[in-house]
Amino acid sequence: MGFGGISIWQLLIVLAIIVLLFGTKKLRGIGGDLGNAVKGFKKAVSEEEQTKTTDNIEQANHSVQNKDTAEKSKEDHKA
């Protein structure tokens, strides 16, 4: 038994019917298009993560600069 009660022979028959209906050339094209779509999606996710990381670093730097400015301001008022 295979996936959810479907045997390997049933899967092979379905695959053969699909190849006969669409042809190998069209299936190859569909596979290439699907691969490009997945690659594009992964690239977009990666770019989004890099943007978030960059934003977090910039926010941290900004808060550190504000803290330093506040500390200098306190020191100036004490003097």
PDB file of N, CA and C in Angstrom:
ATOM      1  N   MET A   1       0.826  -1.189   0.000  1.00  0.00           N
ATOM      2  CA  MET A   1       0.000   0.000   0.000  1.00  0.00           C
ATOM      3  C   MET A   1       0.862   1.241   0.000  1.00  0.00           C
ATOM      4  N   GLY A   2       0.413   2.244  -0.691  1.00  0.00           N
ATOM      5  CA  GLY A   2       1.172   3.481  -0.808  1.00  0.00           C
ATOM      6  C   GLY A   2       0.525   4.608  -0.028  1.00  0.00           C
ATOM      7  N   PHE A   3       0.292   5.677  -0.700  1.00  0.00           N
ATOM      8  CA  PHE A   3      -0.232   6.892  -0.092  1.00  0.00           C
ATOM      9  C   PHE A   3      -1.740   6.794   0.094  1.00  0.00           C
ATOM     10  N   GLY A   4      -2.194   6.697   1.325  1.00  0.00           N
ATOM     11  CA  GLY A   4      -3.628   6.700   1.601  1.00  0.00           C
ATOM     12  C   GLY A   4      -4.398   5.593   0.902  1.00  0.00           C
ATOM     13  N   GLY A   5      -3.821   4.416   0.761  1.00  0.00           N
ATOM     14  CA  GLY A   5      -4.500   3.297   0.138  1.00  0.00           C
ATOM     15  C   GLY A   5      -4.306   3.200  -1.361  1.00  0.00           C
ATOM     16  N   ILE A   6      -3.491   4.066  -1.946  1.00  0.00           N
ATOM     17  CA  ILE A   6      -3.219   4.014  -3.385  1.00  0.00           C
ATOM     18  C   ILE A   6      -1.929   3.230  -3.590  1.00  0.00           C
ATOM     19  N   SER A   7      -1.992   2.209  -4.422  1.00  0.00           N
ATOM     20  CA  SER A   7      -0.803   1.390  -4.650  1.00  0.00           C
ATOM     21  C   SER A   7       0.122   2.058  -5.661  1.00  0.00           C
ATOM     22  N   ILE A   8       1.335   1.556  -5.739  1.00  0.00           N
ATOM     23  CA  ILE A   8       2.327   2.094  -6.671  1.00  0.00           C
ATOM     24  C   ILE A   8       1.862   1.915  -8.111  1.00  0.00           C
ATOM     25  N   TRP A   9       1.150   0.823  -8.377  1.00  0.00           N
ATOM     26  CA  TRP A   9       0.678   0.568  -9.741  1.00  0.00           C
ATOM     27  C   TRP A   9      -0.370   1.592 -10.153  1.00  0.00           C
ATOM     28  N   GLN A  10      -1.235   1.954  -9.243  1.00  0.00           N
ATOM     29  CA  GLN A  10      -2.244   2.963  -9.549  1.00  0.00           C
ATOM     30  C   GLN A  10      -1.583   4.315  -9.822  1.00  0.00           C
ATOM     31  N   LEU A  11      -0.562   4.649  -9.040  1.00  0.00           N
ATOM     32  CA  LEU A  11       0.172   5.893  -9.272  1.00  0.00           C
ATOM     33  C   LEU A  11       0.856   5.893 -10.634  1.00  0.00           C
ATOM     34  N   LEU A  12       1.450   4.766 -11.009  1.00  0.00           N
ATOM     35  CA  LEU A  12       2.113   4.665 -12.309  1.00  0.00           C
ATOM     36  C   LEU A  12       1.120   4.800 -13.463  1.00  0.00           C
ATOM     37  N   ILE A  13      -0.054   4.214 -13.305  1.00  0.00           N
ATOM     38  CA  ILE A  13      -1.080   4.321 -14.346  1.00  0.00           C
ATOM     39  C   ILE A  13      -1.530   5.771 -14.498  1.00  0.00           C
ATOM     40  N   VAL A  14      -1.756   6.448 -13.387  1.00  0.00           N
ATOM     41  CA  VAL A  14      -2.158   7.861 -13.437  1.00  0.00           C
ATOM     42  C   VAL A  14      -1.062   8.691 -14.087  1.00  0.00           C
ATOM     43  N   LEU A  15       0.190   8.435 -13.732  1.00  0.00           N
ATOM     44  CA  LEU A  15       1.319   9.154 -14.324  1.00  0.00           C
ATOM     45  C   LEU A  15       1.386   8.910 -15.831  1.00  0.00           C
ATOM     46  N   ALA A  16       1.179   7.671 -16.256  1.00  0.00           N
ATOM     47  CA  ALA A  16       1.205   7.352 -17.687  1.00  0.00           C
ATOM     48  C   ALA A  16       0.084   8.084 -18.429  1.00  0.00           C
ATOM     49  N   ILE A  17      -1.094   8.154 -17.832  1.00  0.00           N
ATOM     50  CA  ILE A  17      -2.216   8.864 -18.466  1.00  0.00           C
ATOM     51  C   ILE A  17      -1.896  10.352 -18.592  1.00  0.00           C
ATOM     52  N   ILE A  18      -1.302  10.925 -17.554  1.00  0.00           N
ATOM     53  CA  ILE A  18      -0.939  12.348 -17.594  1.00  0.00           C
ATOM     54  C   ILE A  18       0.080  12.608 -18.697  1.00  0.00           C
ATOM     55  N   VAL A  19       1.077  11.729 -18.810  1.00  0.00           N
ATOM     56  CA  VAL A  19       2.092  11.888 -19.863  1.00  0.00           C
ATOM     57  C   VAL A  19       1.451  11.771 -21.239  1.00  0.00           C
ATOM     58  N   LEU A  20       0.524  10.838 -21.407  1.00  0.00           N
ATOM     59  CA  LEU A  20      -0.152  10.685 -22.694  1.00  0.00           C
ATOM     60  C   LEU A  20      -1.014  11.905 -23.033  1.00  0.00           C
ATOM     61  N   LEU A  21      -1.678  12.469 -22.034  1.00  0.00           N
ATOM     62  CA  LEU A  21      -2.547  13.620 -22.283  1.00  0.00           C
ATOM     63  C   LEU A  21      -1.764  14.890 -22.611  1.00  0.00           C
ATOM     64  N   PHE A  22      -0.738  15.161 -21.848  1.00  0.00           N
ATOM     65  CA  PHE A  22      -0.027  16.430 -21.990  1.00  0.00           C
ATOM     66  C   PHE A  22       1.254  16.338 -22.802  1.00  0.00           C
ATOM     67  N   GLY A  23       1.867  15.189 -22.843  1.00  0.00           N
ATOM     68  CA  GLY A  23       3.136  15.040 -23.549  1.00  0.00           C
ATOM     69  C   GLY A  23       4.304  15.477 -22.671  1.00  0.00           C
ATOM     70  N   THR A  24       5.455  14.908 -22.955  1.00  0.00           N
ATOM     71  CA  THR A  24       6.617  15.178 -22.108  1.00  0.00           C
ATOM     72  C   THR A  24       7.118  16.608 -22.273  1.00  0.00           C
ATOM     73  N   LYS A  25       6.990  17.162 -23.472  1.00  0.00           N
ATOM     74  CA  LYS A  25       7.483  18.520 -23.712  1.00  0.00           C
ATOM     75  C   LYS A  25       6.704  19.537 -22.876  1.00  0.00           C
ATOM     76  N   LYS A  26       5.395  19.401 -22.866  1.00  0.00           N
ATOM     77  CA  LYS A  26       4.562  20.326 -22.100  1.00  0.00           C
ATOM     78  C   LYS A  26       4.786  20.136 -20.601  1.00  0.00           C
ATOM     79  N   LEU A  27       4.932  18.890 -20.161  1.00  0.00           N
ATOM     80  CA  LEU A  27       5.186  18.632 -18.744  1.00  0.00           C
ATOM     81  C   LEU A  27       6.528  19.217 -18.314  1.00  0.00           C
ATOM     82  N   ARG A  28       7.528  19.129 -19.192  1.00  0.00           N
ATOM     83  CA  ARG A  28       8.842  19.700 -18.898  1.00  0.00           C
ATOM     84  C   ARG A  28       8.734  21.217 -18.749  1.00  0.00           C
ATOM     85  N   GLY A  29       7.948  21.823 -19.628  1.00  0.00           N
ATOM     86  CA  GLY A  29       7.733  23.275 -19.554  1.00  0.00           C
ATOM     87  C   GLY A  29       7.017  23.678 -18.273  1.00  0.00           C
ATOM     88  N   ILE A  30       6.008  22.908 -17.897  1.00  0.00           N
ATOM     89  CA  ILE A  30       5.275  23.185 -16.659  1.00  0.00           C
ATOM     90  C   ILE A  30       6.205  23.028 -15.459  1.00  0.00           C
ATOM     91  N   GLY A  31       7.039  21.995 -15.491  1.00  0.00           N
ATOM     92  CA  GLY A  31       7.995  21.787 -14.400  1.00  0.00           C
ATOM     93  C   GLY A  31       8.986  22.933 -14.285  1.00  0.00           C
ATOM     94  N   GLY A  32       9.457  23.416 -15.425  1.00  0.00           N
ATOM     95  CA  GLY A  32      10.386  24.553 -15.422  1.00  0.00           C
ATOM     96  C   GLY A  32       9.733  25.813 -14.885  1.00  0.00           C
ATOM     97  N   ASP A  33       8.487  26.048 -15.297  1.00  0.00           N
ATOM     98  CA  ASP A  33       7.754  27.215 -14.801  1.00  0.00           C
ATOM     99  C   ASP A  33       7.533  27.126 -13.292  1.00  0.00           C
ATOM    100  N   LEU A  34       7.193  25.938 -12.837  1.00  0.00           N
ATOM    101  CA  LEU A  34       6.979  25.741 -11.406  1.00  0.00           C
ATOM    102  C   LEU A  34       8.283  25.950 -10.635  1.00  0.00           C
ATOM    103  N   GLY A  35       9.381  25.432 -11.180  1.00  0.00           N
ATOM    104  CA  GLY A  35      10.686  25.621 -10.543  1.00  0.00           C
ATOM    105  C   GLY A  35      11.074  27.087 -10.461  1.00  0.00           C
ATOM    106  N   ASN A  36      10.835  27.838 -11.532  1.00  0.00           N
ATOM    107  CA  ASN A  36      11.133  29.273 -11.522  1.00  0.00           C
ATOM    108  C   ASN A  36      10.263  30.017 -10.510  1.00  0.00           C
ATOM    109  N   ALA A  37       9.013  29.600 -10.384  1.00  0.00           N
ATOM    110  CA  ALA A  37       8.120  30.238  -9.416  1.00  0.00           C
ATOM    111  C   ALA A  37       8.607  29.994  -7.992  1.00  0.00           C
ATOM    112  N   VAL A  38       9.026  28.768  -7.705  1.00  0.00           N
ATOM    113  CA  VAL A  38       9.536  28.447  -6.370  1.00  0.00           C
ATOM    114  C   VAL A  38      10.815  29.229  -6.095  1.00  0.00           C
ATOM    115  N   LYS A  39      11.694  29.304  -7.087  1.00  0.00           N
ATOM    116  CA  LYS A  39      12.946  30.058  -6.932  1.00  0.00           C
ATOM    117  C   LYS A  39      12.657  31.532  -6.658  1.00  0.00           C
ATOM    118  N   GLY A  40      11.718  32.108  -7.390  1.00  0.00           N
ATOM    119  CA  GLY A  40      11.338  33.504  -7.180  1.00  0.00           C
ATOM    120  C   GLY A  40      10.751  33.733  -5.796  1.00  0.00           C
ATOM    121  N   PHE A  41       9.939  32.787  -5.333  1.00  0.00           N
ATOM    122  CA  PHE A  41       9.345  32.898  -4.004  1.00  0.00           C
ATOM    123  C   PHE A  41      10.420  32.858  -2.928  1.00  0.00           C
ATOM    124  N   LYS A  42      11.365  31.928  -3.053  1.00  0.00           N
ATOM    125  CA  LYS A  42      12.450  31.828  -2.072  1.00  0.00           C
ATOM    126  C   LYS A  42      13.289  33.099  -2.061  1.00  0.00           C
ATOM    127  N   LYS A  43      13.544  33.661  -3.234  1.00  0.00           N
ATOM    128  CA  LYS A  43      14.333  34.892  -3.324  1.00  0.00           C
ATOM    129  C   LYS A  43      13.601  36.040  -2.639  1.00  0.00           C
ATOM    130  N   ALA A  44      12.297  36.136  -2.859  1.00  0.00           N
ATOM    131  CA  ALA A  44      11.511  37.203  -2.236  1.00  0.00           C
ATOM    132  C   ALA A  44      11.496  37.063  -0.717  1.00  0.00           C
ATOM    133  N   VAL A  45      11.358  35.835  -0.226  1.00  0.00           N
ATOM    134  CA  VAL A  45      11.366  35.605   1.219  1.00  0.00           C
ATOM    135  C   VAL A  45      12.725  35.976   1.793  1.00  0.00           C
ATOM    136  N   SER A  46      13.791  35.591   1.113  1.00  0.00           N
ATOM    137  CA  SER A  46      15.143  35.911   1.567  1.00  0.00           C
ATOM    138  C   SER A  46      15.361  37.419   1.617  1.00  0.00           C
ATOM    139  N   GLU A  47      14.917  38.129   0.588  1.00  0.00           N
ATOM    140  CA  GLU A  47      15.066  39.587   0.559  1.00  0.00           C
ATOM    141  C   GLU A  47      14.262  40.233   1.683  1.00  0.00           C
ATOM    142  N   GLU A  48      13.079  39.706   1.968  1.00  0.00           N
ATOM    143  CA  GLU A  48      12.246  40.248   3.039  1.00  0.00           C
ATOM    144  C   GLU A  48      12.928  40.060   4.393  1.00  0.00           C
ATOM    145  N   GLU A  49      13.539  38.889   4.607  1.00  0.00           N
ATOM    146  CA  GLU A  49      14.248  38.641   5.862  1.00  0.00           C
ATOM    147  C   GLU A  49      15.442  39.574   6.002  1.00  0.00           C
ATOM    148  N   GLN A  50      16.161  39.820   4.901  1.00  0.00           N
ATOM    149  CA  GLN A  50      17.299  40.737   4.945  1.00  0.00           C
ATOM    150  C   GLN A  50      16.830  42.152   5.262  1.00  0.00           C
ATOM    151  N   THR A  51      15.707  42.555   4.702  1.00  0.00           N
ATOM    152  CA  THR A  51      15.166  43.888   4.961  1.00  0.00           C
ATOM    153  C   THR A  51      14.780  44.034   6.430  1.00  0.00           C
ATOM    154  N   LYS A  52      14.139  43.002   6.980  1.00  0.00           N
ATOM    155  CA  LYS A  52      13.756  43.049   8.393  1.00  0.00           C
ATOM    156  C   LYS A  52      14.991  43.124   9.281  1.00  0.00           C
ATOM    157  N   THR A  53      16.017  42.342   8.957  1.00  0.00           N
ATOM    158  CA  THR A  53      17.249  42.358   9.741  1.00  0.00           C
ATOM    159  C   THR A  53      17.903  43.729   9.677  1.00  0.00           C
ATOM    160  N   THR A  54      17.962  44.314   8.493  1.00  0.00           N
ATOM    161  CA  THR A  54      18.548  45.643   8.326  1.00  0.00           C
ATOM    162  C   THR A  54      17.754  46.673   9.117  1.00  0.00           C
ATOM    163  N   ASP A  55      16.423  46.582   9.067  1.00  0.00           N
ATOM    164  CA  ASP A  55      15.583  47.515   9.819  1.00  0.00           C
ATOM    165  C   ASP A  55      15.817  47.377  11.320  1.00  0.00           C
ATOM    166  N   ASN A  56      15.940  46.136  11.801  1.00  0.00           N
ATOM    167  CA  ASN A  56      16.188  45.909  13.222  1.00  0.00           C
ATOM    168  C   ASN A  56      17.529  46.490  13.642  1.00  0.00           C
ATOM    169  N   ILE A  57      18.547  46.334  12.815  1.00  0.00           N
ATOM    170  CA  ILE A  57      19.871  46.880  13.122  1.00  0.00           C
ATOM    171  C   ILE A  57      19.811  48.401  13.156  1.00  0.00           C
ATOM    172  N   GLU A  58      19.125  48.994  12.185  1.00  0.00           N
ATOM    173  CA  GLU A  58      19.006  50.453  12.154  1.00  0.00           C
ATOM    174  C   GLU A  58      18.254  50.971  13.375  1.00  0.00           C
ATOM    175  N   GLN A  59      17.205  50.274  13.797  1.00  0.00           N
ATOM    176  CA  GLN A  59      16.457  50.686  14.982  1.00  0.00           C
ATOM    177  C   GLN A  59      17.325  50.578  16.227  1.00  0.00           C
ATOM    178  N   ALA A  60      18.110  49.511  16.325  1.00  0.00           N
ATOM    179  CA  ALA A  60      18.997  49.339  17.477  1.00  0.00           C
ATOM    180  C   ALA A  60      20.043  50.448  17.509  1.00  0.00           C
ATOM    181  N   ASN A  61      20.629  50.765  16.364  1.00  0.00           N
ATOM    182  CA  ASN A  61      21.619  51.841  16.304  1.00  0.00           C
ATOM    183  C   ASN A  61      20.989  53.175  16.682  1.00  0.00           C
ATOM    184  N   HIS A  62      19.781  53.400  16.210  1.00  0.00           N
ATOM    185  CA  HIS A  62      19.090  54.655  16.501  1.00  0.00           C
ATOM    186  C   HIS A  62      18.806  54.773  18.001  1.00  0.00           C
ATOM    187  N   SER A  63      18.356  53.682  18.624  1.00  0.00           N
ATOM    188  CA  SER A  63      18.058  53.728  20.057  1.00  0.00           C
ATOM    189  C   SER A  63      19.333  53.908  20.876  1.00  0.00           C
ATOM    190  N   VAL A  64      20.439  53.311  20.436  1.00  0.00           N
ATOM    191  CA  VAL A  64      21.719  53.494  21.128  1.00  0.00           C
ATOM    192  C   VAL A  64      22.162  54.947  21.004  1.00  0.00           C
ATOM    193  N   GLN A  65      22.006  55.533  19.835  1.00  0.00           N
ATOM    194  CA  GLN A  65      22.382  56.936  19.645  1.00  0.00           C
ATOM    195  C   GLN A  65      21.517  57.844  20.514  1.00  0.00           C
ATOM    196  N   ASN A  66      20.227  57.551  20.604  1.00  0.00           N
ATOM    197  CA  ASN A  66      19.342  58.348  21.457  1.00  0.00           C
ATOM    198  C   ASN A  66      19.744  58.229  22.917  1.00  0.00           C
ATOM    199  N   LYS A  67      20.115  57.032  23.330  1.00  0.00           N
ATOM    200  CA  LYS A  67      20.535  56.804  24.713  1.00  0.00           C
ATOM    201  C   LYS A  67      21.819  57.573  24.997  1.00  0.00           C
ATOM    202  N   ASP A  68      22.772  57.520  24.069  1.00  0.00           N
ATOM    203  CA  ASP A  68      24.024  58.258  24.233  1.00  0.00           C
ATOM    204  C   ASP A  68      23.761  59.755  24.304  1.00  0.00           C
ATOM    205  N   THR A  69      22.880  60.255  23.477  1.00  0.00           N
ATOM    206  CA  THR A  69      22.544  61.678  23.469  1.00  0.00           C
ATOM    207  C   THR A  69      21.893  62.073  24.791  1.00  0.00           C
ATOM    208  N   ALA A  70      21.007  61.231  25.306  1.00  0.00           N
ATOM    209  CA  ALA A  70      20.340  61.514  26.578  1.00  0.00           C
ATOM    210  C   ALA A  70      21.347  61.524  27.719  1.00  0.00           C
ATOM    211  N   GLU A  71      22.293  60.584  27.715  1.00  0.00           N
ATOM    212  CA  GLU A  71      23.312  60.537  28.764  1.00  0.00           C
ATOM    213  C   GLU A  71      24.210  61.765  28.702  1.00  0.00           C
ATOM    214  N   LYS A  72      24.596  62.186  27.507  1.00  0.00           N
ATOM    215  CA  LYS A  72      25.422  63.387  27.360  1.00  0.00           C
ATOM    216  C   LYS A  72      24.657  64.615  27.839  1.00  0.00           C
ATOM    217  N   SER A  73      23.369  64.662  27.552  1.00  0.00           N
ATOM    218  CA  SER A  73      22.542  65.786  27.971  1.00  0.00           C
ATOM    219  C   SER A  73      22.474  65.856  29.493  1.00  0.00           C
ATOM    220  N   LYS A  74      22.337  64.705  30.156  1.00  0.00           N
ATOM    221  CA  LYS A  74      22.311  64.660  31.619  1.00  0.00           C
ATOM    222  C   LYS A  74      23.640  65.128  32.190  1.00  0.00           C
ATOM    223  N   GLU A  75      24.744  64.688  31.576  1.00  0.00           N
ATOM    224  CA  GLU A  75      26.070  65.083  32.048  1.00  0.00           C
ATOM    225  C   GLU A  75      26.280  66.585  31.881  1.00  0.00           C
ATOM    226  N   ASP A  76      25.791  67.150  30.794  1.00  0.00           N
ATOM    227  CA  ASP A  76      25.933  68.583  30.554  1.00  0.00           C
ATOM    228  C   ASP A  76      25.140  69.388  31.576  1.00  0.00           C
ATOM    229  N   HIS A  77      23.971  68.887  31.975  1.00  0.00           N
ATOM    230  CA  HIS A  77      23.145  69.590  32.953  1.00  0.00           C
ATOM    231  C   HIS A  77      23.772  69.522  34.341  1.00  0.00           C
ATOM    232  N   LYS A  78      24.475  68.433  34.658  1.00  0.00           N
ATOM    233  CA  LYS A  78      25.124  68.287  35.959  1.00  0.00           C
ATOM    234  C   LYS A  78      26.323  69.219  36.071  1.00  0.00           C
ATOM    235  N   ALA A  79      26.994  69.453  34.962  1.00  0.00           N
ATOM    236  CA  ALA A  79      28.221  70.264  34.987  1.00  0.00           C
ATOM    237  C   ALA A  79      27.929  71.705  35.020  1.00  0.00           C
TER     238      ALA A  79
END
